[in-house]
Amino acid sequence: MRARIEEIVFDCHNPAQLVRFWAALLDAEPVDRSPDWSYIDVPGFIRIAFQGVPEKKTVKNRLHLDANAGDLAAATTEAEALGARRVGDVVTDEYGAFQVLEDPEGNEFCFVSG
């Protein structure tokens, strides 16, 4: 049986707040389907959805998003202005560089370059 990924869903405490953060970060329009379900359709990507759950995040993500950013410093500064938090310093290796961040609810994501 073949299937395709329809969307990536983040459990979160406040879907409306988180969808606005990610919409601003990825230049997409937020959609609030209900108080507990919001999403964005990112051009050239799959839908990213945010589902409200009663419990807060307590451990590290098992999955995270990598977003390509030509200028890591500028992208990181913009993300921080939207409510992200930098986690550590930029890491550079033979494949390029990346910066780990957390969104306003503590979900890890990376800006990558190279």
PDB file of N, CA and C in Angstrom:
ATOM      1  N   MET A   1       0.850  -1.178   0.000  1.00  0.00           N
ATOM      2  CA  MET A   1       0.000   0.000   0.000  1.00  0.00           C
ATOM      3  C   MET A   1       0.893   1.238   0.000  1.00  0.00           C
ATOM      4  N   ARG A   2       0.601   2.145  -0.870  1.00  0.00           N
ATOM      5  CA  ARG A   2       1.347   3.399  -0.919  1.00  0.00           C
ATOM      6  C   ARG A   2       0.512   4.503  -0.308  1.00  0.00           C
ATOM      7  N   ALA A   3       1.199   5.378   0.377  1.00  0.00           N
ATOM      8  CA  ALA A   3       0.535   6.535   0.978  1.00  0.00           C
ATOM      9  C   ALA A   3       1.449   7.731   0.806  1.00  0.00           C
ATOM     10  N   ARG A   4       0.906   8.917   0.963  1.00  0.00           N
ATOM     11  CA  ARG A   4       1.719  10.118   0.933  1.00  0.00           C
ATOM     12  C   ARG A   4       1.393  10.947   2.156  1.00  0.00           C
ATOM     13  N   ILE A   5       2.369  11.679   2.616  1.00  0.00           N
ATOM     14  CA  ILE A   5       2.150  12.506   3.796  1.00  0.00           C
ATOM     15  C   ILE A   5       1.249  13.667   3.406  1.00  0.00           C
ATOM     16  N   GLU A   6       0.167  13.809   4.114  1.00  0.00           N
ATOM     17  CA  GLU A   6      -0.808  14.868   3.871  1.00  0.00           C
ATOM     18  C   GLU A   6      -0.420  16.156   4.591  1.00  0.00           C
ATOM     19  N   GLU A   7       0.021  15.996   5.842  1.00  0.00           N
ATOM     20  CA  GLU A   7       0.402  17.157   6.633  1.00  0.00           C
ATOM     21  C   GLU A   7       1.266  16.704   7.799  1.00  0.00           C
ATOM     22  N   ILE A   8       1.977  17.638   8.369  1.00  0.00           N
ATOM     23  CA  ILE A   8       2.723  17.417   9.597  1.00  0.00           C
ATOM     24  C   ILE A   8       1.943  18.124  10.695  1.00  0.00           C
ATOM     25  N   VAL A   9       1.656  17.427  11.781  1.00  0.00           N
ATOM     26  CA  VAL A   9       0.829  17.981  12.852  1.00  0.00           C
ATOM     27  C   VAL A   9       1.646  18.100  14.131  1.00  0.00           C
ATOM     28  N   PHE A  10       1.647  19.292  14.702  1.00  0.00           N
ATOM     29  CA  PHE A  10       2.279  19.533  15.991  1.00  0.00           C
ATOM     30  C   PHE A  10       1.195  19.569  17.065  1.00  0.00           C
ATOM     31  N   ASP A  11       1.337  18.759  18.108  1.00  0.00           N
ATOM     32  CA  ASP A  11       0.511  18.930  19.293  1.00  0.00           C
ATOM     33  C   ASP A  11       1.012  20.189  19.979  1.00  0.00           C
ATOM     34  N   CYS A  12       0.095  21.003  20.473  1.00  0.00           N
ATOM     35  CA  CYS A  12       0.517  22.245  21.113  1.00  0.00           C
ATOM     36  C   CYS A  12      -0.533  22.721  22.099  1.00  0.00           C
ATOM     37  N   HIS A  13      -0.150  23.680  22.893  1.00  0.00           N
ATOM     38  CA  HIS A  13      -1.050  24.238  23.903  1.00  0.00           C
ATOM     39  C   HIS A  13      -1.946  25.329  23.318  1.00  0.00           C
ATOM     40  N   ASN A  14      -1.411  26.121  22.382  1.00  0.00           N
ATOM     41  CA  ASN A  14      -2.155  27.256  21.828  1.00  0.00           C
ATOM     42  C   ASN A  14      -2.019  27.274  20.304  1.00  0.00           C
ATOM     43  N   PRO A  15      -2.875  26.527  19.573  1.00  0.00           N
ATOM     44  CA  PRO A  15      -2.759  26.446  18.112  1.00  0.00           C
ATOM     45  C   PRO A  15      -2.813  27.804  17.407  1.00  0.00           C
ATOM     46  N   ALA A  16      -3.683  28.700  17.856  1.00  0.00           N
ATOM     47  CA  ALA A  16      -3.822  29.997  17.182  1.00  0.00           C
ATOM     48  C   ALA A  16      -2.542  30.819  17.288  1.00  0.00           C
ATOM     49  N   GLN A  17      -1.887  30.776  18.430  1.00  0.00           N
ATOM     50  CA  GLN A  17      -0.630  31.517  18.593  1.00  0.00           C
ATOM     51  C   GLN A  17       0.487  30.880  17.769  1.00  0.00           C
ATOM     52  N   LEU A  18       0.585  29.569  17.825  1.00  0.00           N
ATOM     53  CA  LEU A  18       1.680  28.888  17.146  1.00  0.00           C
ATOM     54  C   LEU A  18       1.545  28.979  15.628  1.00  0.00           C
ATOM     55  N   VAL A  19       0.333  28.899  15.113  1.00  0.00           N
ATOM     56  CA  VAL A  19       0.155  28.998  13.659  1.00  0.00           C
ATOM     57  C   VAL A  19       0.576  30.378  13.165  1.00  0.00           C
ATOM     58  N   ARG A  20       0.347  31.415  13.944  1.00  0.00           N
ATOM     59  CA  ARG A  20       0.748  32.758  13.527  1.00  0.00           C
ATOM     60  C   ARG A  20       2.273  32.916  13.524  1.00  0.00           C
ATOM     61  N   PHE A  21       2.950  32.315  14.499  1.00  0.00           N
ATOM     62  CA  PHE A  21       4.404  32.325  14.507  1.00  0.00           C
ATOM     63  C   PHE A  21       4.943  31.663  13.241  1.00  0.00           C
ATOM     64  N   TRP A  22       4.489  30.446  12.962  1.00  0.00           N
ATOM     65  CA  TRP A  22       4.996  29.711  11.804  1.00  0.00           C
ATOM     66  C   TRP A  22       4.577  30.346  10.487  1.00  0.00           C
ATOM     67  N   ALA A  23       3.383  30.920  10.428  1.00  0.00           N
ATOM     68  CA  ALA A  23       2.952  31.600   9.199  1.00  0.00           C
ATOM     69  C   ALA A  23       3.864  32.787   8.903  1.00  0.00           C
ATOM     70  N   ALA A  24       4.202  33.555   9.926  1.00  0.00           N
ATOM     71  CA  ALA A  24       5.097  34.695   9.725  1.00  0.00           C
ATOM     72  C   ALA A  24       6.493  34.221   9.332  1.00  0.00           C
ATOM     73  N   LEU A  25       6.954  33.158   9.966  1.00  0.00           N
ATOM     74  CA  LEU A  25       8.296  32.644   9.695  1.00  0.00           C
ATOM     75  C   LEU A  25       8.421  32.097   8.277  1.00  0.00           C
ATOM     76  N   LEU A  26       7.359  31.438   7.784  1.00  0.00           N
ATOM     77  CA  LEU A  26       7.413  30.770   6.480  1.00  0.00           C
ATOM     78  C   LEU A  26       6.646  31.498   5.387  1.00  0.00           C
ATOM     79  N   ASP A  27       6.212  32.732   5.671  1.00  0.00           N
ATOM     80  CA  ASP A  27       5.505  33.551   4.684  1.00  0.00           C
ATOM     81  C   ASP A  27       4.273  32.833   4.128  1.00  0.00           C
ATOM     82  N   ALA A  28       3.402  32.429   5.035  1.00  0.00           N
ATOM     83  CA  ALA A  28       2.176  31.717   4.674  1.00  0.00           C
ATOM     84  C   ALA A  28       0.996  32.351   5.415  1.00  0.00           C
ATOM     85  N   GLU A  29      -0.203  31.992   4.995  1.00  0.00           N
ATOM     86  CA  GLU A  29      -1.404  32.515   5.642  1.00  0.00           C
ATOM     87  C   GLU A  29      -1.915  31.531   6.695  1.00  0.00           C
ATOM     88  N   PRO A  30      -2.146  31.993   7.928  1.00  0.00           N
ATOM     89  CA  PRO A  30      -2.680  31.095   8.947  1.00  0.00           C
ATOM     90  C   PRO A  30      -4.179  30.860   8.736  1.00  0.00           C
ATOM     91  N   VAL A  31      -4.623  29.651   9.046  1.00  0.00           N
ATOM     92  CA  VAL A  31      -6.037  29.300   8.969  1.00  0.00           C
ATOM     93  C   VAL A  31      -6.434  28.674  10.296  1.00  0.00           C
ATOM     94  N   ASP A  32      -7.426  29.258  10.968  1.00  0.00           N
ATOM     95  CA  ASP A  32      -7.971  28.690  12.201  1.00  0.00           C
ATOM     96  C   ASP A  32      -9.227  27.917  11.836  1.00  0.00           C
ATOM     97  N   ARG A  33      -9.132  26.588  11.831  1.00  0.00           N
ATOM     98  CA  ARG A  33     -10.293  25.761  11.475  1.00  0.00           C
ATOM     99  C   ARG A  33     -11.243  25.633  12.659  1.00  0.00           C
ATOM    100  N   SER A  34     -10.687  25.592  13.862  1.00  0.00           N
ATOM    101  CA  SER A  34     -11.474  25.532  15.093  1.00  0.00           C
ATOM    102  C   SER A  34     -10.574  26.017  16.225  1.00  0.00           C
ATOM    103  N   PRO A  35     -11.096  26.175  17.426  1.00  0.00           N
ATOM    104  CA  PRO A  35     -10.234  26.616  18.528  1.00  0.00           C
ATOM    105  C   PRO A  35      -9.059  25.664  18.796  1.00  0.00           C
ATOM    106  N   ASP A  36      -9.192  24.403  18.420  1.00  0.00           N
ATOM    107  CA  ASP A  36      -8.149  23.417  18.685  1.00  0.00           C
ATOM    108  C   ASP A  36      -7.438  22.930  17.437  1.00  0.00           C
ATOM    109  N   TRP A  37      -7.619  23.603  16.296  1.00  0.00           N
ATOM    110  CA  TRP A  37      -6.977  23.130  15.065  1.00  0.00           C
ATOM    111  C   TRP A  37      -6.729  24.316  14.133  1.00  0.00           C
ATOM    112  N   SER A  38      -5.454  24.568  13.854  1.00  0.00           N
ATOM    113  CA  SER A  38      -5.058  25.623  12.928  1.00  0.00           C
ATOM    114  C   SER A  38      -4.014  25.047  11.986  1.00  0.00           C
ATOM    115  N   TYR A  39      -3.844  25.685  10.828  1.00  0.00           N
ATOM    116  CA  TYR A  39      -2.835  25.178   9.893  1.00  0.00           C
ATOM    117  C   TYR A  39      -2.358  26.269   8.957  1.00  0.00           C
ATOM    118  N   ILE A  40      -1.246  25.954   8.271  1.00  0.00           N
ATOM    119  CA  ILE A  40      -0.745  26.787   7.184  1.00  0.00           C
ATOM    120  C   ILE A  40      -0.432  25.876   6.008  1.00  0.00           C
ATOM    121  N   ASP A  41      -0.696  26.372   4.817  1.00  0.00           N
ATOM    122  CA  ASP A  41      -0.269  25.711   3.597  1.00  0.00           C
ATOM    123  C   ASP A  41       0.940  26.482   3.099  1.00  0.00           C
ATOM    124  N   VAL A  42       2.098  25.873   3.194  1.00  0.00           N
ATOM    125  CA  VAL A  42       3.338  26.517   2.791  1.00  0.00           C
ATOM    126  C   VAL A  42       3.556  26.236   1.310  1.00  0.00           C
ATOM    127  N   PRO A  43       3.678  27.267   0.473  1.00  0.00           N
ATOM    128  CA  PRO A  43       3.899  27.035  -0.960  1.00  0.00           C
ATOM    129  C   PRO A  43       5.108  26.122  -1.196  1.00  0.00           C
ATOM    130  N   GLY A  44       4.915  25.103  -2.015  1.00  0.00           N
ATOM    131  CA  GLY A  44       5.992  24.179  -2.330  1.00  0.00           C
ATOM    132  C   GLY A  44       6.265  23.149  -1.242  1.00  0.00           C
ATOM    133  N   PHE A  45       5.413  23.074  -0.227  1.00  0.00           N
ATOM    134  CA  PHE A  45       5.613  22.159   0.888  1.00  0.00           C
ATOM    135  C   PHE A  45       4.268  21.555   1.244  1.00  0.00           C
ATOM    136  N   ILE A  46       4.230  20.711   2.246  1.00  0.00           N
ATOM    137  CA  ILE A  46       2.959  20.158   2.685  1.00  0.00           C
ATOM    138  C   ILE A  46       2.369  21.031   3.781  1.00  0.00           C
ATOM    139  N   ARG A  47       1.133  20.777   4.109  1.00  0.00           N
ATOM    140  CA  ARG A  47       0.449  21.531   5.166  1.00  0.00           C
ATOM    141  C   ARG A  47       1.110  21.246   6.516  1.00  0.00           C
ATOM    142  N   ILE A  48       1.228  22.300   7.324  1.00  0.00           N
ATOM    143  CA  ILE A  48       1.688  22.169   8.702  1.00  0.00           C
ATOM    144  C   ILE A  48       0.514  22.557   9.589  1.00  0.00           C
ATOM    145  N   ALA A  49       0.114  21.630  10.463  1.00  0.00           N
ATOM    146  CA  ALA A  49      -1.063  21.844  11.300  1.00  0.00           C
ATOM    147  C   ALA A  49      -0.678  21.862  12.775  1.00  0.00           C
ATOM    148  N   PHE A  50      -1.533  22.494  13.561  1.00  0.00           N
ATOM    149  CA  PHE A  50      -1.306  22.648  14.991  1.00  0.00           C
ATOM    150  C   PHE A  50      -2.587  22.237  15.709  1.00  0.00           C
ATOM    151  N   GLN A  51      -2.483  21.175  16.519  1.00  0.00           N
ATOM    152  CA  GLN A  51      -3.635  20.611  17.206  1.00  0.00           C
ATOM    153  C   GLN A  51      -3.503  20.862  18.691  1.00  0.00           C
ATOM    154  N   GLY A  52      -4.533  21.455  19.272  1.00  0.00           N
ATOM    155  CA  GLY A  52      -4.514  21.730  20.701  1.00  0.00           C
ATOM    156  C   GLY A  52      -4.640  20.470  21.523  1.00  0.00           C
ATOM    157  N   VAL A  53      -3.765  20.348  22.525  1.00  0.00           N
ATOM    158  CA  VAL A  53      -3.826  19.241  23.484  1.00  0.00           C
ATOM    159  C   VAL A  53      -3.701  19.840  24.879  1.00  0.00           C
ATOM    160  N   PRO A  54      -4.250  19.183  25.890  1.00  0.00           N
ATOM    161  CA  PRO A  54      -4.227  19.776  27.233  1.00  0.00           C
ATOM    162  C   PRO A  54      -2.859  19.778  27.897  1.00  0.00           C
ATOM    163  N   GLU A  55      -2.020  18.803  27.594  1.00  0.00           N
ATOM    164  CA  GLU A  55      -0.717  18.742  28.251  1.00  0.00           C
ATOM    165  C   GLU A  55       0.298  19.599  27.513  1.00  0.00           C
ATOM    166  N   LYS A  56       1.261  20.127  28.252  1.00  0.00           N
ATOM    167  CA  LYS A  56       2.331  20.923  27.662  1.00  0.00           C
ATOM    168  C   LYS A  56       3.490  20.018  27.272  1.00  0.00           C
ATOM    169  N   LYS A  57       4.329  20.504  26.387  1.00  0.00           N
ATOM    170  CA  LYS A  57       5.509  19.771  25.945  1.00  0.00           C
ATOM    171  C   LYS A  57       6.447  19.580  27.136  1.00  0.00           C
ATOM    172  N   THR A  58       6.955  18.363  27.309  1.00  0.00           N
ATOM    173  CA  THR A  58       7.830  18.107  28.449  1.00  0.00           C
ATOM    174  C   THR A  58       9.171  17.494  28.064  1.00  0.00           C
ATOM    175  N   VAL A  59       9.311  16.977  26.837  1.00  0.00           N
ATOM    176  CA  VAL A  59      10.567  16.356  26.412  1.00  0.00           C
ATOM    177  C   VAL A  59      10.954  16.865  25.032  1.00  0.00           C
ATOM    178  N   LYS A  60      12.174  16.542  24.624  1.00  0.00           N
ATOM    179  CA  LYS A  60      12.679  16.944  23.315  1.00  0.00           C
ATOM    180  C   LYS A  60      11.840  16.330  22.192  1.00  0.00           C
ATOM    181  N   ASN A  61      11.708  17.094  21.095  1.00  0.00           N
ATOM    182  CA  ASN A  61      11.001  16.583  19.923  1.00  0.00           C
ATOM    183  C   ASN A  61      11.651  15.309  19.398  1.00  0.00           C
ATOM    184  N   ARG A  62      10.846  14.424  18.832  1.00  0.00           N
ATOM    185  CA  ARG A  62      11.371  13.270  18.113  1.00  0.00           C
ATOM    186  C   ARG A  62      11.467  13.598  16.623  1.00  0.00           C
ATOM    187  N   LEU A  63      10.880  14.700  16.223  1.00  0.00           N
ATOM    188  CA  LEU A  63      10.865  15.155  14.835  1.00  0.00           C
ATOM    189  C   LEU A  63      10.997  16.669  14.868  1.00  0.00           C
ATOM    190  N   HIS A  64      11.730  17.232  13.904  1.00  0.00           N
ATOM    191  CA  HIS A  64      11.799  18.692  13.826  1.00  0.00           C
ATOM    192  C   HIS A  64      11.870  19.104  12.362  1.00  0.00           C
ATOM    193  N   LEU A  65      11.570  20.352  12.096  1.00  0.00           N
ATOM    194  CA  LEU A  65      11.634  20.892  10.747  1.00  0.00           C
ATOM    195  C   LEU A  65      12.969  21.592  10.530  1.00  0.00           C
ATOM    196  N   ASP A  66      13.529  21.453   9.342  1.00  0.00           N
ATOM    197  CA  ASP A  66      14.691  22.215   8.905  1.00  0.00           C
ATOM    198  C   ASP A  66      14.210  23.178   7.835  1.00  0.00           C
ATOM    199  N   ALA A  67      14.527  24.442   7.980  1.00  0.00           N
ATOM    200  CA  ALA A  67      14.153  25.460   6.993  1.00  0.00           C
ATOM    201  C   ALA A  67      15.426  26.041   6.392  1.00  0.00           C
ATOM    202  N   ASN A  68      15.502  26.082   5.080  1.00  0.00           N
ATOM    203  CA  ASN A  68      16.668  26.623   4.403  1.00  0.00           C
ATOM    204  C   ASN A  68      16.681  28.132   4.549  1.00  0.00           C
ATOM    205  N   ALA A  69      17.820  28.656   4.992  1.00  0.00           N
ATOM    206  CA  ALA A  69      17.978  30.100   5.164  1.00  0.00           C
ATOM    207  C   ALA A  69      19.329  30.491   4.587  1.00  0.00           C
ATOM    208  N   GLY A  70      19.326  31.344   3.593  1.00  0.00           N
ATOM    209  CA  GLY A  70      20.580  31.782   2.995  1.00  0.00           C
ATOM    210  C   GLY A  70      21.462  32.525   3.968  1.00  0.00           C
ATOM    211  N   ASP A  71      20.871  33.332   4.814  1.00  0.00           N
ATOM    212  CA  ASP A  71      21.599  34.130   5.794  1.00  0.00           C
ATOM    213  C   ASP A  71      21.141  33.696   7.185  1.00  0.00           C
ATOM    214  N   LEU A  72      21.900  32.808   7.816  1.00  0.00           N
ATOM    215  CA  LEU A  72      21.503  32.270   9.124  1.00  0.00           C
ATOM    216  C   LEU A  72      21.314  33.358  10.174  1.00  0.00           C
ATOM    217  N   ALA A  73      22.218  34.325  10.213  1.00  0.00           N
ATOM    218  CA  ALA A  73      22.135  35.376  11.229  1.00  0.00           C
ATOM    219  C   ALA A  73      20.861  36.190  11.075  1.00  0.00           C
ATOM    220  N   ALA A  74      20.543  36.593   9.848  1.00  0.00           N
ATOM    221  CA  ALA A  74      19.333  37.392   9.615  1.00  0.00           C
ATOM    222  C   ALA A  74      18.072  36.582   9.901  1.00  0.00           C
ATOM    223  N   ALA A  75      18.036  35.324   9.452  1.00  0.00           N
ATOM    224  CA  ALA A  75      16.865  34.481   9.694  1.00  0.00           C
ATOM    225  C   ALA A  75      16.666  34.246  11.182  1.00  0.00           C
ATOM    226  N   THR A  76      17.767  34.031  11.907  1.00  0.00           N
ATOM    227  CA  THR A  76      17.684  33.800  13.344  1.00  0.00           C
ATOM    228  C   THR A  76      17.181  35.049  14.066  1.00  0.00           C
ATOM    229  N   THR A  77      17.692  36.201  13.693  1.00  0.00           N
ATOM    230  CA  THR A  77      17.238  37.455  14.301  1.00  0.00           C
ATOM    231  C   THR A  77      15.750  37.670  14.058  1.00  0.00           C
ATOM    232  N   GLU A  78      15.282  37.409  12.829  1.00  0.00           N
ATOM    233  CA  GLU A  78      13.858  37.555  12.515  1.00  0.00           C
ATOM    234  C   GLU A  78      13.017  36.576  13.328  1.00  0.00           C
ATOM    235  N   ALA A  79      13.471  35.334  13.423  1.00  0.00           N
ATOM    236  CA  ALA A  79      12.727  34.332  14.192  1.00  0.00           C
ATOM    237  C   ALA A  79      12.650  34.720  15.668  1.00  0.00           C
ATOM    238  N   GLU A  80      13.740  35.233  16.217  1.00  0.00           N
ATOM    239  CA  GLU A  80      13.736  35.663  17.614  1.00  0.00           C
ATOM    240  C   GLU A  80      12.774  36.818  17.831  1.00  0.00           C
ATOM    241  N   ALA A  81      12.668  37.719  16.865  1.00  0.00           N
ATOM    242  CA  ALA A  81      11.718  38.831  16.967  1.00  0.00           C
ATOM    243  C   ALA A  81      10.271  38.330  16.966  1.00  0.00           C
ATOM    244  N   LEU A  82      10.042  37.165  16.358  1.00  0.00           N
ATOM    245  CA  LEU A  82       8.696  36.570  16.318  1.00  0.00           C
ATOM    246  C   LEU A  82       8.402  35.732  17.556  1.00  0.00           C
ATOM    247  N   GLY A  83       9.420  35.470  18.395  1.00  0.00           N
ATOM    248  CA  GLY A  83       9.205  34.699  19.614  1.00  0.00           C
ATOM    249  C   GLY A  83      10.011  33.425  19.728  1.00  0.00           C
ATOM    250  N   ALA A  84      10.889  33.142  18.774  1.00  0.00           N
ATOM    251  CA  ALA A  84      11.748  31.959  18.855  1.00  0.00           C
ATOM    252  C   ALA A  84      12.872  32.195  19.852  1.00  0.00           C
ATOM    253  N   ARG A  85      13.486  31.094  20.275  1.00  0.00           N
ATOM    254  CA  ARG A  85      14.624  31.161  21.183  1.00  0.00           C
ATOM    255  C   ARG A  85      15.772  30.361  20.577  1.00  0.00           C
ATOM    256  N   ARG A  86      16.930  30.975  20.524  1.00  0.00           N
ATOM    257  CA  ARG A  86      18.141  30.324  20.000  1.00  0.00           C
ATOM    258  C   ARG A  86      18.594  29.243  20.985  1.00  0.00           C
ATOM    259  N   VAL A  87      18.991  28.082  20.440  1.00  0.00           N
ATOM    260  CA  VAL A  87      19.520  26.995  21.252  1.00  0.00           C
ATOM    261  C   VAL A  87      20.959  26.747  20.815  1.00  0.00           C
ATOM    262  N   GLY A  88      21.911  27.227  21.578  1.00  0.00           N
ATOM    263  CA  GLY A  88      23.319  27.045  21.238  1.00  0.00           C
ATOM    264  C   GLY A  88      23.774  27.973  20.123  1.00  0.00           C
ATOM    265  N   ASP A  89      24.982  27.707  19.665  1.00  0.00           N
ATOM    266  CA  ASP A  89      25.598  28.508  18.616  1.00  0.00           C
ATOM    267  C   ASP A  89      25.405  27.854  17.257  1.00  0.00           C
ATOM    268  N   VAL A  90      25.727  28.584  16.208  1.00  0.00           N
ATOM    269  CA  VAL A  90      25.707  28.029  14.854  1.00  0.00           C
ATOM    270  C   VAL A  90      26.723  26.895  14.788  1.00  0.00           C
ATOM    271  N   VAL A  91      26.319  25.793  14.168  1.00  0.00           N
ATOM    272  CA  VAL A  91      27.209  24.652  13.966  1.00  0.00           C
ATOM    273  C   VAL A  91      27.588  24.622  12.493  1.00  0.00           C
ATOM    274  N   THR A  92      28.885  24.515  12.230  1.00  0.00           N
ATOM    275  CA  THR A  92      29.378  24.463  10.860  1.00  0.00           C
ATOM    276  C   THR A  92      30.151  23.162  10.668  1.00  0.00           C
ATOM    277  N   ASP A  93      29.860  22.478   9.551  1.00  0.00           N
ATOM    278  CA  ASP A  93      30.613  21.275   9.205  1.00  0.00           C
ATOM    279  C   ASP A  93      30.826  21.241   7.695  1.00  0.00           C
ATOM    280  N   GLU A  94      31.280  20.119   7.168  1.00  0.00           N
ATOM    281  CA  GLU A  94      31.587  20.033   5.741  1.00  0.00           C
ATOM    282  C   GLU A  94      30.351  20.151   4.839  1.00  0.00           C
ATOM    283  N   TYR A  95      29.164  20.053   5.408  1.00  0.00           N
ATOM    284  CA  TYR A  95      27.930  20.145   4.616  1.00  0.00           C
ATOM    285  C   TYR A  95      27.310  21.532   4.621  1.00  0.00           C
ATOM    286  N   GLY A  96      27.758  22.385   5.494  1.00  0.00           N
ATOM    287  CA  GLY A  96      27.191  23.725   5.599  1.00  0.00           C
ATOM    288  C   GLY A  96      27.097  24.134   7.059  1.00  0.00           C
ATOM    289  N   ALA A  97      26.067  24.898   7.379  1.00  0.00           N
ATOM    290  CA  ALA A  97      25.885  25.385   8.744  1.00  0.00           C
ATOM    291  C   ALA A  97      24.419  25.290   9.135  1.00  0.00           C
ATOM    292  N   PHE A  98      24.171  25.210  10.447  1.00  0.00           N
ATOM    293  CA  PHE A  98      22.794  25.234  10.927  1.00  0.00           C
ATOM    294  C   PHE A  98      22.717  25.877  12.305  1.00  0.00           C
ATOM    295  N   GLN A  99      21.533  26.421  12.589  1.00  0.00           N
ATOM    296  CA  GLN A  99      21.237  27.036  13.877  1.00  0.00           C
ATOM    297  C   GLN A  99      19.987  26.370  14.429  1.00  0.00           C
ATOM    298  N   VAL A 100      20.066  25.826  15.628  1.00  0.00           N
ATOM    299  CA  VAL A 100      18.907  25.230  16.290  1.00  0.00           C
ATOM    300  C   VAL A 100      18.170  26.329  17.043  1.00  0.00           C
ATOM    301  N   LEU A 101      16.832  26.312  16.927  1.00  0.00           N
ATOM    302  CA  LEU A 101      15.980  27.253  17.653  1.00  0.00           C
ATOM    303  C   LEU A 101      14.792  26.498  18.226  1.00  0.00           C
ATOM    304  N   GLU A 102      14.032  27.172  19.084  1.00  0.00           N
ATOM    305  CA  GLU A 102      12.761  26.654  19.577  1.00  0.00           C
ATOM    306  C   GLU A 102      11.682  27.669  19.258  1.00  0.00           C
ATOM    307  N   ASP A 103      10.498  27.181  18.854  1.00  0.00           N
ATOM    308  CA  ASP A 103       9.368  28.075  18.628  1.00  0.00           C
ATOM    309  C   ASP A 103       8.799  28.505  19.982  1.00  0.00           C
ATOM    310  N   PRO A 104       7.759  29.348  20.030  1.00  0.00           N
ATOM    311  CA  PRO A 104       7.252  29.844  21.316  1.00  0.00           C
ATOM    312  C   PRO A 104       6.785  28.762  22.294  1.00  0.00           C
ATOM    313  N   GLU A 105       6.501  27.535  21.807  1.00  0.00           N
ATOM    314  CA  GLU A 105       6.105  26.453  22.718  1.00  0.00           C
ATOM    315  C   GLU A 105       7.231  25.463  22.982  1.00  0.00           C
ATOM    316  N   GLY A 106       8.436  25.774  22.499  1.00  0.00           N
ATOM    317  CA  GLY A 106       9.573  24.918  22.785  1.00  0.00           C
ATOM    318  C   GLY A 106       9.843  23.821  21.778  1.00  0.00           C
ATOM    319  N   ASN A 107       9.158  23.831  20.633  1.00  0.00           N
ATOM    320  CA  ASN A 107       9.417  22.845  19.586  1.00  0.00           C
ATOM    321  C   ASN A 107      10.688  23.231  18.839  1.00  0.00           C
ATOM    322  N   GLU A 108      11.634  22.290  18.752  1.00  0.00           N
ATOM    323  CA  GLU A 108      12.894  22.573  18.084  1.00  0.00           C
ATOM    324  C   GLU A 108      12.715  22.621  16.570  1.00  0.00           C
ATOM    325  N   PHE A 109      13.470  23.497  15.934  1.00  0.00           N
ATOM    326  CA  PHE A 109      13.582  23.540  14.478  1.00  0.00           C
ATOM    327  C   PHE A 109      14.956  24.100  14.153  1.00  0.00           C
ATOM    328  N   CYS A 110      15.374  23.945  12.917  1.00  0.00           N
ATOM    329  CA  CYS A 110      16.701  24.422  12.507  1.00  0.00           C
ATOM    330  C   CYS A 110      16.607  25.296  11.264  1.00  0.00           C
ATOM    331  N   PHE A 111      17.441  26.305  11.231  1.00  0.00           N
ATOM    332  CA  PHE A 111      17.724  27.007   9.978  1.00  0.00           C
ATOM    333  C   PHE A 111      19.004  26.376   9.459  1.00  0.00           C
ATOM    334  N   VAL A 112      19.000  25.999   8.188  1.00  0.00           N
ATOM    335  CA  VAL A 112      20.169  25.388   7.575  1.00  0.00           C
ATOM    336  C   VAL A 112      20.632  26.239   6.407  1.00  0.00           C
ATOM    337  N   SER A 113      21.919  26.175   6.131  1.00  0.00           N
ATOM    338  CA  SER A 113      22.494  26.902   5.019  1.00  0.00           C
ATOM    339  C   SER A 113      23.635  26.063   4.455  1.00  0.00           C
ATOM    340  N   GLY A 114      23.716  26.008   3.135  1.00  0.00           N
ATOM    341  CA  GLY A 114      24.797  25.247   2.520  1.00  0.00           C
ATOM    342  C   GLY A 114      24.317  23.967   1.904  1.00  0.00           C
TER     343      GLY A 114
END
